[in-house]
mmCIF file of all heavy atoms, coordinates in Angstrom:
data_MODEL
# 
_entry.id   MODEL 
# 
loop_
_atom_site.group_PDB 
_atom_site.id 
_atom_site.type_symbol 
_atom_site.label_atom_id 
_atom_site.label_alt_id 
_atom_site.label_comp_id 
_atom_site.label_asym_id 
_atom_site.label_entity_id 
_atom_site.label_seq_id 
_atom_site.pdbx_PDB_ins_code 
_atom_site.Cartn_x 
_atom_site.Cartn_y 
_atom_site.Cartn_z 
_atom_site.occupancy 
_atom_site.B_iso_or_equiv 
_atom_site.pdbx_formal_charge 
_atom_site.auth_seq_id 
_atom_site.auth_comp_id 
_atom_site.auth_asym_id 
_atom_site.auth_atom_id 
_atom_site.pdbx_PDB_model_num 
ATOM 1   N N   . LYS A 1 1  ? 0.819  -1.217 0.000  1.00 0.00 ? 1  LYS A N   1 
ATOM 2   C CA  . LYS A 1 1  ? 0.000  0.000  0.000  1.00 0.00 ? 1  LYS A CA  1 
ATOM 3   C C   . LYS A 1 1  ? 0.848  1.260  0.000  1.00 0.00 ? 1  LYS A C   1 
ATOM 4   O O   . LYS A 1 1  ? 0.446  2.290  -0.527 1.00 0.00 ? 1  LYS A O   1 
ATOM 5   C CB  . LYS A 1 1  ? -0.954 0.025  1.195  1.00 0.00 ? 1  LYS A CB  1 
ATOM 6   C CG  . LYS A 1 1  ? -1.898 -1.154 1.258  1.00 0.00 ? 1  LYS A CG  1 
ATOM 7   C CD  . LYS A 1 1  ? -2.935 -1.072 0.173  1.00 0.00 ? 1  LYS A CD  1 
ATOM 8   C CE  . LYS A 1 1  ? -3.939 -2.207 0.327  1.00 0.00 ? 1  LYS A CE  1 
ATOM 9   N NZ  . LYS A 1 1  ? -4.898 -2.216 -0.757 1.00 0.00 ? 1  LYS A NZ  1 
ATOM 10  N N   . VAL A 1 2  ? 2.008  1.201  0.649  1.00 0.00 ? 2  VAL A N   1 
ATOM 11  C CA  . VAL A 1 2  ? 2.973  2.304  0.659  1.00 0.00 ? 2  VAL A CA  1 
ATOM 12  C C   . VAL A 1 2  ? 4.369  1.702  0.540  1.00 0.00 ? 2  VAL A C   1 
ATOM 13  O O   . VAL A 1 2  ? 4.582  0.527  0.861  1.00 0.00 ? 2  VAL A O   1 
ATOM 14  C CB  . VAL A 1 2  ? 2.892  3.173  1.942  1.00 0.00 ? 2  VAL A CB  1 
ATOM 15  C CG1 . VAL A 1 2  ? 1.560  3.859  2.081  1.00 0.00 ? 2  VAL A CG1 1 
ATOM 16  C CG2 . VAL A 1 2  ? 3.223  2.376  3.173  1.00 0.00 ? 2  VAL A CG2 1 
ATOM 17  N N   . SER A 1 3  ? 5.293  2.517  0.077  1.00 0.00 ? 3  SER A N   1 
ATOM 18  C CA  . SER A 1 3  ? 6.674  2.048  -0.017 1.00 0.00 ? 3  SER A CA  1 
ATOM 19  C C   . SER A 1 3  ? 7.358  2.208  1.339  1.00 0.00 ? 3  SER A C   1 
ATOM 20  O O   . SER A 1 3  ? 6.909  2.989  2.190  1.00 0.00 ? 3  SER A O   1 
ATOM 21  C CB  . SER A 1 3  ? 7.433  2.846  -1.073 1.00 0.00 ? 3  SER A CB  1 
ATOM 22  O OG  . SER A 1 3  ? 7.635  4.182  -0.632 1.00 0.00 ? 3  SER A OG  1 
ATOM 23  N N   . ALA A 1 4  ? 8.449  1.485  1.511  1.00 0.00 ? 4  ALA A N   1 
ATOM 24  C CA  . ALA A 1 4  ? 9.222  1.609  2.742  1.00 0.00 ? 4  ALA A CA  1 
ATOM 25  C C   . ALA A 1 4  ? 9.738  3.040  2.896  1.00 0.00 ? 4  ALA A C   1 
ATOM 26  O O   . ALA A 1 4  ? 9.778  3.580  4.010  1.00 0.00 ? 4  ALA A O   1 
ATOM 27  C CB  . ALA A 1 4  ? 10.382 0.615  2.744  1.00 0.00 ? 4  ALA A CB  1 
ATOM 28  N N   . GLU A 1 5  ? 10.080 3.684  1.795  1.00 0.00 ? 5  GLU A N   1 
ATOM 29  C CA  . GLU A 1 5  ? 10.567 5.062  1.833  1.00 0.00 ? 5  GLU A CA  1 
ATOM 30  C C   . GLU A 1 5  ? 9.470  6.017  2.289  1.00 0.00 ? 5  GLU A C   1 
ATOM 31  O O   . GLU A 1 5  ? 9.720  6.936  3.070  1.00 0.00 ? 5  GLU A O   1 
ATOM 32  C CB  . GLU A 1 5  ? 11.098 5.490  0.458  1.00 0.00 ? 5  GLU A CB  1 
ATOM 33  C CG  . GLU A 1 5  ? 12.347 4.749  0.029  1.00 0.00 ? 5  GLU A CG  1 
ATOM 34  C CD  . GLU A 1 5  ? 12.071 3.343  -0.510 1.00 0.00 ? 5  GLU A CD  1 
ATOM 35  O OE1 . GLU A 1 5  ? 10.912 3.020  -0.907 1.00 0.00 ? 5  GLU A OE1 1 
ATOM 36  O OE2 . GLU A 1 5  ? 13.023 2.542  -0.514 1.00 0.00 ? 5  GLU A OE2 1 
ATOM 37  N N   . GLN A 1 6  ? 8.244  5.807  1.793  1.00 0.00 ? 6  GLN A N   1 
ATOM 38  C CA  . GLN A 1 6  ? 7.122  6.649  2.214  1.00 0.00 ? 6  GLN A CA  1 
ATOM 39  C C   . GLN A 1 6  ? 6.843  6.474  3.704  1.00 0.00 ? 6  GLN A C   1 
ATOM 40  O O   . GLN A 1 6  ? 6.577  7.448  4.411  1.00 0.00 ? 6  GLN A O   1 
ATOM 41  C CB  . GLN A 1 6  ? 5.859  6.312  1.407  1.00 0.00 ? 6  GLN A CB  1 
ATOM 42  C CG  . GLN A 1 6  ? 5.922  6.750  -0.034 1.00 0.00 ? 6  GLN A CG  1 
ATOM 43  C CD  . GLN A 1 6  ? 4.769  6.184  -0.845 1.00 0.00 ? 6  GLN A CD  1 
ATOM 44  O OE1 . GLN A 1 6  ? 4.428  5.005  -0.739 1.00 0.00 ? 6  GLN A OE1 1 
ATOM 45  N NE2 . GLN A 1 6  ? 4.163  7.029  -1.673 1.00 0.00 ? 6  GLN A NE2 1 
ATOM 46  N N   . ALA A 1 7  ? 6.900  5.244  4.173  1.00 0.00 ? 7  ALA A N   1 
ATOM 47  C CA  . ALA A 1 7  ? 6.672  4.974  5.600  1.00 0.00 ? 7  ALA A CA  1 
ATOM 48  C C   . ALA A 1 7  ? 7.737  5.650  6.447  1.00 0.00 ? 7  ALA A C   1 
ATOM 49  O O   . ALA A 1 7  ? 7.425  6.290  7.461  1.00 0.00 ? 7  ALA A O   1 
ATOM 50  C CB  . ALA A 1 7  ? 6.656  3.469  5.853  1.00 0.00 ? 7  ALA A CB  1 
ATOM 51  N N   . GLN A 1 8  ? 8.992  5.547  6.030  1.00 0.00 ? 8  GLN A N   1 
ATOM 52  C CA  . GLN A 1 8  ? 10.080 6.178  6.785  1.00 0.00 ? 8  GLN A CA  1 
ATOM 53  C C   . GLN A 1 8  ? 9.936  7.698  6.777  1.00 0.00 ? 8  GLN A C   1 
ATOM 54  O O   . GLN A 1 8  ? 10.175 8.353  7.792  1.00 0.00 ? 8  GLN A O   1 
ATOM 55  C CB  . GLN A 1 8  ? 11.433 5.770  6.203  1.00 0.00 ? 8  GLN A CB  1 
ATOM 56  C CG  . GLN A 1 8  ? 11.861 4.378  6.631  1.00 0.00 ? 8  GLN A CG  1 
ATOM 57  C CD  . GLN A 1 8  ? 11.857 4.203  8.132  1.00 0.00 ? 8  GLN A CD  1 
ATOM 58  O OE1 . GLN A 1 8  ? 11.022 3.473  8.663  1.00 0.00 ? 8  GLN A OE1 1 
ATOM 59  N NE2 . GLN A 1 8  ? 12.740 4.851  8.845  1.00 0.00 ? 8  GLN A NE2 1 
ATOM 60  N N   . ALA A 1 9  ? 9.535  8.256  5.640  1.00 0.00 ? 9  ALA A N   1 
ATOM 61  C CA  . ALA A 1 9  ? 9.366  9.711  5.555  1.00 0.00 ? 9  ALA A CA  1 
ATOM 62  C C   . ALA A 1 9  ? 8.251  10.174 6.483  1.00 0.00 ? 9  ALA A C   1 
ATOM 63  O O   . ALA A 1 9  ? 8.371  11.213 7.146  1.00 0.00 ? 9  ALA A O   1 
ATOM 64  C CB  . ALA A 1 9  ? 9.076  10.128 4.110  1.00 0.00 ? 9  ALA A CB  1 
ATOM 65  N N   . LEU A 1 10 ? 7.162  9.406  6.541  1.00 0.00 ? 10 LEU A N   1 
ATOM 66  C CA  . LEU A 1 10 ? 6.058  9.755  7.437  1.00 0.00 ? 10 LEU A CA  1 
ATOM 67  C C   . LEU A 1 10 ? 6.531  9.735  8.885  1.00 0.00 ? 10 LEU A C   1 
ATOM 68  O O   . LEU A 1 10 ? 6.293  10.679 9.632  1.00 0.00 ? 10 LEU A O   1 
ATOM 69  C CB  . LEU A 1 10 ? 4.891  8.797  7.228  1.00 0.00 ? 10 LEU A CB  1 
ATOM 70  C CG  . LEU A 1 10 ? 3.593  9.143  7.959  1.00 0.00 ? 10 LEU A CG  1 
ATOM 71  C CD1 . LEU A 1 10 ? 2.394  8.601  7.200  1.00 0.00 ? 10 LEU A CD1 1 
ATOM 72  C CD2 . LEU A 1 10 ? 3.570  8.641  9.375  1.00 0.00 ? 10 LEU A CD2 1 
ATOM 73  N N   . LEU A 1 11 ? 7.213  8.685  9.276  1.00 0.00 ? 11 LEU A N   1 
ATOM 74  C CA  . LEU A 1 11 ? 7.710  8.591  10.656 1.00 0.00 ? 11 LEU A CA  1 
ATOM 75  C C   . LEU A 1 11 ? 8.696  9.709  10.974 1.00 0.00 ? 11 LEU A C   1 
ATOM 76  O O   . LEU A 1 11 ? 8.714  10.216 12.098 1.00 0.00 ? 11 LEU A O   1 
ATOM 77  C CB  . LEU A 1 11 ? 8.362  7.231  10.897 1.00 0.00 ? 11 LEU A CB  1 
ATOM 78  C CG  . LEU A 1 11 ? 7.402  6.063  11.057 1.00 0.00 ? 11 LEU A CG  1 
ATOM 79  C CD1 . LEU A 1 11 ? 8.163  4.744  11.089 1.00 0.00 ? 11 LEU A CD1 1 
ATOM 80  C CD2 . LEU A 1 11 ? 6.542  6.220  12.294 1.00 0.00 ? 11 LEU A CD2 1 
ATOM 81  N N   . ALA A 1 12 ? 9.485  10.128 9.995  1.00 0.00 ? 12 ALA A N   1 
ATOM 82  C CA  . ALA A 1 12 ? 10.466 11.182 10.216 1.00 0.00 ? 12 ALA A CA  1 
ATOM 83  C C   . ALA A 1 12 ? 9.804  12.537 10.469 1.00 0.00 ? 12 ALA A C   1 
ATOM 84  O O   . ALA A 1 12 ? 10.418 13.431 11.039 1.00 0.00 ? 12 ALA A O   1 
ATOM 85  C CB  . ALA A 1 12 ? 11.409 11.281 9.017  1.00 0.00 ? 12 ALA A CB  1 
ATOM 86  N N   . ARG A 1 13 ? 8.543  12.679 10.051 1.00 0.00 ? 13 ARG A N   1 
ATOM 87  C CA  . ARG A 1 13 ? 7.824  13.936 10.284 1.00 0.00 ? 13 ARG A CA  1 
ATOM 88  C C   . ARG A 1 13 ? 7.237  14.029 11.687 1.00 0.00 ? 13 ARG A C   1 
ATOM 89  O O   . ARG A 1 13 ? 6.680  15.049 12.067 1.00 0.00 ? 13 ARG A O   1 
ATOM 90  C CB  . ARG A 1 13 ? 6.713  14.107 9.234  1.00 0.00 ? 13 ARG A CB  1 
ATOM 91  C CG  . ARG A 1 13 ? 7.249  14.430 7.848  1.00 0.00 ? 13 ARG A CG  1 
ATOM 92  C CD  . ARG A 1 13 ? 6.156  14.849 6.895  1.00 0.00 ? 13 ARG A CD  1 
ATOM 93  N NE  . ARG A 1 13 ? 5.286  13.762 6.489  1.00 0.00 ? 13 ARG A NE  1 
ATOM 94  C CZ  . ARG A 1 13 ? 5.518  12.936 5.470  1.00 0.00 ? 13 ARG A CZ  1 
ATOM 95  N NH1 . ARG A 1 13 ? 6.628  13.059 4.756  1.00 0.00 ? 13 ARG A NH1 1 
ATOM 96  N NH2 . ARG A 1 13 ? 4.651  11.998 5.156  1.00 0.00 ? 13 ARG A NH2 1 
ATOM 97  N N   . ILE A 1 14 ? 7.344  12.973 12.484 1.00 0.00 ? 14 ILE A N   1 
ATOM 98  C CA  . ILE A 1 14 ? 6.796  12.948 13.845 1.00 0.00 ? 14 ILE A CA  1 
ATOM 99  C C   . ILE A 1 14 ? 7.917  13.165 14.851 1.00 0.00 ? 14 ILE A C   1 
ATOM 100 O O   . ILE A 1 14 ? 8.904  12.440 14.852 1.00 0.00 ? 14 ILE A O   1 
ATOM 101 C CB  . ILE A 1 14 ? 6.084  11.607 14.129 1.00 0.00 ? 14 ILE A CB  1 
ATOM 102 C CG1 . ILE A 1 14 ? 4.972  11.361 13.112 1.00 0.00 ? 14 ILE A CG1 1 
ATOM 103 C CG2 . ILE A 1 14 ? 5.538  11.584 15.556 1.00 0.00 ? 14 ILE A CG2 1 
ATOM 104 C CD1 . ILE A 1 14 ? 4.403  9.952  13.146 1.00 0.00 ? 14 ILE A CD1 1 
ATOM 105 N N   . THR A 1 15 ? 7.729  14.158 15.710 1.00 0.00 ? 15 THR A N   1 
ATOM 106 C CA  . THR A 1 15 ? 8.719  14.471 16.732 1.00 0.00 ? 15 THR A CA  1 
ATOM 107 C C   . THR A 1 15 ? 8.065  14.392 18.110 1.00 0.00 ? 15 THR A C   1 
ATOM 108 O O   . THR A 1 15 ? 7.048  15.056 18.346 1.00 0.00 ? 15 THR A O   1 
ATOM 109 C CB  . THR A 1 15 ? 9.284  15.894 16.529 1.00 0.00 ? 15 THR A CB  1 
ATOM 110 O OG1 . THR A 1 15 ? 9.842  15.976 15.219 1.00 0.00 ? 15 THR A OG1 1 
ATOM 111 C CG2 . THR A 1 15 ? 10.332 16.229 17.572 1.00 0.00 ? 15 THR A CG2 1 
ATOM 112 N N   . PRO A 1 16 ? 8.644  13.603 19.011 1.00 0.00 ? 16 PRO A N   1 
ATOM 113 C CA  . PRO A 1 16 ? 8.126  13.569 20.375 1.00 0.00 ? 16 PRO A CA  1 
ATOM 114 C C   . PRO A 1 16 ? 8.394  14.902 21.081 1.00 0.00 ? 16 PRO A C   1 
ATOM 115 O O   . PRO A 1 16 ? 9.430  15.525 20.858 1.00 0.00 ? 16 PRO A O   1 
ATOM 116 C CB  . PRO A 1 16 ? 8.924  12.448 21.052 1.00 0.00 ? 16 PRO A CB  1 
ATOM 117 C CG  . PRO A 1 16 ? 9.642  11.730 19.959 1.00 0.00 ? 16 PRO A CG  1 
ATOM 118 C CD  . PRO A 1 16 ? 9.747  12.673 18.809 1.00 0.00 ? 16 PRO A CD  1 
ATOM 119 N N   . ALA A 1 17 ? 7.459  15.320 21.897 1.00 0.00 ? 17 ALA A N   1 
ATOM 120 C CA  . ALA A 1 17 ? 7.626  16.538 22.698 1.00 0.00 ? 17 ALA A CA  1 
ATOM 121 C C   . ALA A 1 17 ? 7.326  16.188 24.149 1.00 0.00 ? 17 ALA A C   1 
ATOM 122 O O   . ALA A 1 17 ? 6.249  15.692 24.452 1.00 0.00 ? 17 ALA A O   1 
ATOM 123 C CB  . ALA A 1 17 ? 6.694  17.640 22.202 1.00 0.00 ? 17 ALA A CB  1 
ATOM 124 N N   . THR A 1 18 ? 8.275  16.446 25.011 1.00 0.00 ? 18 THR A N   1 
ATOM 125 C CA  . THR A 1 18 ? 8.099  16.102 26.416 1.00 0.00 ? 18 THR A CA  1 
ATOM 126 C C   . THR A 1 18 ? 7.793  17.319 27.283 1.00 0.00 ? 18 THR A C   1 
ATOM 127 O O   . THR A 1 18 ? 7.513  17.176 28.468 1.00 0.00 ? 18 THR A O   1 
ATOM 128 C CB  . THR A 1 18 ? 9.354  15.384 26.954 1.00 0.00 ? 18 THR A CB  1 
ATOM 129 O OG1 . THR A 1 18 ? 10.496 16.210 26.706 1.00 0.00 ? 18 THR A OG1 1 
ATOM 130 C CG2 . THR A 1 18 ? 9.542  14.036 26.259 1.00 0.00 ? 18 THR A CG2 1 
ATOM 131 N N   . GLU A 1 19 ? 7.857  18.503 26.684 1.00 0.00 ? 19 GLU A N   1 
ATOM 132 C CA  . GLU A 1 19 ? 7.527  19.741 27.387 1.00 0.00 ? 19 GLU A CA  1 
ATOM 133 C C   . GLU A 1 19 ? 6.487  20.495 26.573 1.00 0.00 ? 19 GLU A C   1 
ATOM 134 O O   . GLU A 1 19 ? 6.626  20.628 25.354 1.00 0.00 ? 19 GLU A O   1 
ATOM 135 C CB  . GLU A 1 19 ? 8.768  20.632 27.556 1.00 0.00 ? 19 GLU A CB  1 
ATOM 136 C CG  . GLU A 1 19 ? 9.897  19.992 28.342 1.00 0.00 ? 19 GLU A CG  1 
ATOM 137 C CD  . GLU A 1 19 ? 9.573  19.826 29.812 1.00 0.00 ? 19 GLU A CD  1 
ATOM 138 O OE1 . GLU A 1 19 ? 8.787  20.636 30.344 1.00 0.00 ? 19 GLU A OE1 1 
ATOM 139 O OE2 . GLU A 1 19 ? 10.090 18.881 30.430 1.00 0.00 ? 19 GLU A OE2 1 
ATOM 140 N N   . LEU A 1 20 ? 5.467  20.996 27.214 1.00 0.00 ? 20 LEU A N   1 
ATOM 141 C CA  . LEU A 1 20 ? 4.415  21.735 26.528 1.00 0.00 ? 20 LEU A CA  1 
ATOM 142 C C   . LEU A 1 20 ? 4.983  22.944 25.785 1.00 0.00 ? 20 LEU A C   1 
ATOM 143 O O   . LEU A 1 20 ? 4.496  23.299 24.711 1.00 0.00 ? 20 LEU A O   1 
ATOM 144 C CB  . LEU A 1 20 ? 3.344  22.160 27.536 1.00 0.00 ? 20 LEU A CB  1 
ATOM 145 C CG  . LEU A 1 20 ? 1.923  22.323 27.012 1.00 0.00 ? 20 LEU A CG  1 
ATOM 146 C CD1 . LEU A 1 20 ? 1.415  21.087 26.299 1.00 0.00 ? 20 LEU A CD1 1 
ATOM 147 C CD2 . LEU A 1 20 ? 0.997  22.700 28.150 1.00 0.00 ? 20 LEU A CD2 1 
ATOM 148 N N   . THR A 1 21 ? 6.039  23.532 26.311 1.00 0.00 ? 21 THR A N   1 
ATOM 149 C CA  . THR A 1 21 ? 6.640  24.705 25.668 1.00 0.00 ? 21 THR A CA  1 
ATOM 150 C C   . THR A 1 21 ? 7.200  24.389 24.279 1.00 0.00 ? 21 THR A C   1 
ATOM 151 O O   . THR A 1 21 ? 7.371  25.295 23.466 1.00 0.00 ? 21 THR A O   1 
ATOM 152 C CB  . THR A 1 21 ? 7.758  25.299 26.546 1.00 0.00 ? 21 THR A CB  1 
ATOM 153 O OG1 . THR A 1 21 ? 8.709  24.264 26.836 1.00 0.00 ? 21 THR A OG1 1 
ATOM 154 C CG2 . THR A 1 21 ? 7.195  25.874 27.834 1.00 0.00 ? 21 THR A CG2 1 
ATOM 155 N N   . GLN A 1 22 ? 7.456  23.128 23.991 1.00 0.00 ? 22 GLN A N   1 
ATOM 156 C CA  . GLN A 1 22 ? 7.944  22.731 22.666 1.00 0.00 ? 22 GLN A CA  1 
ATOM 157 C C   . GLN A 1 22 ? 6.893  22.948 21.582 1.00 0.00 ? 22 GLN A C   1 
ATOM 158 O O   . GLN A 1 22 ? 7.213  22.917 20.404 1.00 0.00 ? 22 GLN A O   1 
ATOM 159 C CB  . GLN A 1 22 ? 8.390  21.264 22.675 1.00 0.00 ? 22 GLN A CB  1 
ATOM 160 C CG  . GLN A 1 22 ? 9.643  21.012 23.491 1.00 0.00 ? 22 GLN A CG  1 
ATOM 161 C CD  . GLN A 1 22 ? 9.955  19.537 23.579 1.00 0.00 ? 22 GLN A CD  1 
ATOM 162 O OE1 . GLN A 1 22 ? 9.526  18.851 24.509 1.00 0.00 ? 22 GLN A OE1 1 
ATOM 163 N NE2 . GLN A 1 22 ? 10.699 19.051 22.604 1.00 0.00 ? 22 GLN A NE2 1 
ATOM 164 N N   . LEU A 1 23 ? 5.653  23.183 21.975 1.00 0.00 ? 23 LEU A N   1 
ATOM 165 C CA  . LEU A 1 23 ? 4.567  23.374 21.013 1.00 0.00 ? 23 LEU A CA  1 
ATOM 166 C C   . LEU A 1 23 ? 4.415  24.831 20.599 1.00 0.00 ? 23 LEU A C   1 
ATOM 167 O O   . LEU A 1 23 ? 3.545  25.163 19.796 1.00 0.00 ? 23 LEU A O   1 
ATOM 168 C CB  . LEU A 1 23 ? 3.239  22.872 21.599 1.00 0.00 ? 23 LEU A CB  1 
ATOM 169 C CG  . LEU A 1 23 ? 3.243  21.480 22.239 1.00 0.00 ? 23 LEU A CG  1 
ATOM 170 C CD1 . LEU A 1 23 ? 1.838  21.085 22.644 1.00 0.00 ? 23 LEU A CD1 1 
ATOM 171 C CD2 . LEU A 1 23 ? 3.864  20.443 21.332 1.00 0.00 ? 23 LEU A CD2 1 
ATOM 172 N N   . ALA A 1 24 ? 5.262  25.711 21.103 1.00 0.00 ? 24 ALA A N   1 
ATOM 173 C CA  . ALA A 1 24 ? 5.124  27.156 20.915 1.00 0.00 ? 24 ALA A CA  1 
ATOM 174 C C   . ALA A 1 24 ? 5.030  27.583 19.459 1.00 0.00 ? 24 ALA A C   1 
ATOM 175 O O   . ALA A 1 24 ? 4.299  28.523 19.137 1.00 0.00 ? 24 ALA A O   1 
ATOM 176 C CB  . ALA A 1 24 ? 6.273  27.886 21.601 1.00 0.00 ? 24 ALA A CB  1 
# 
């Protein structure tokens, strides 16, 4: 349904944030 490259690119767009201030 998707390529491995597309899956990796999608995951790379997600960043964990552990402090609310990171959402500024």
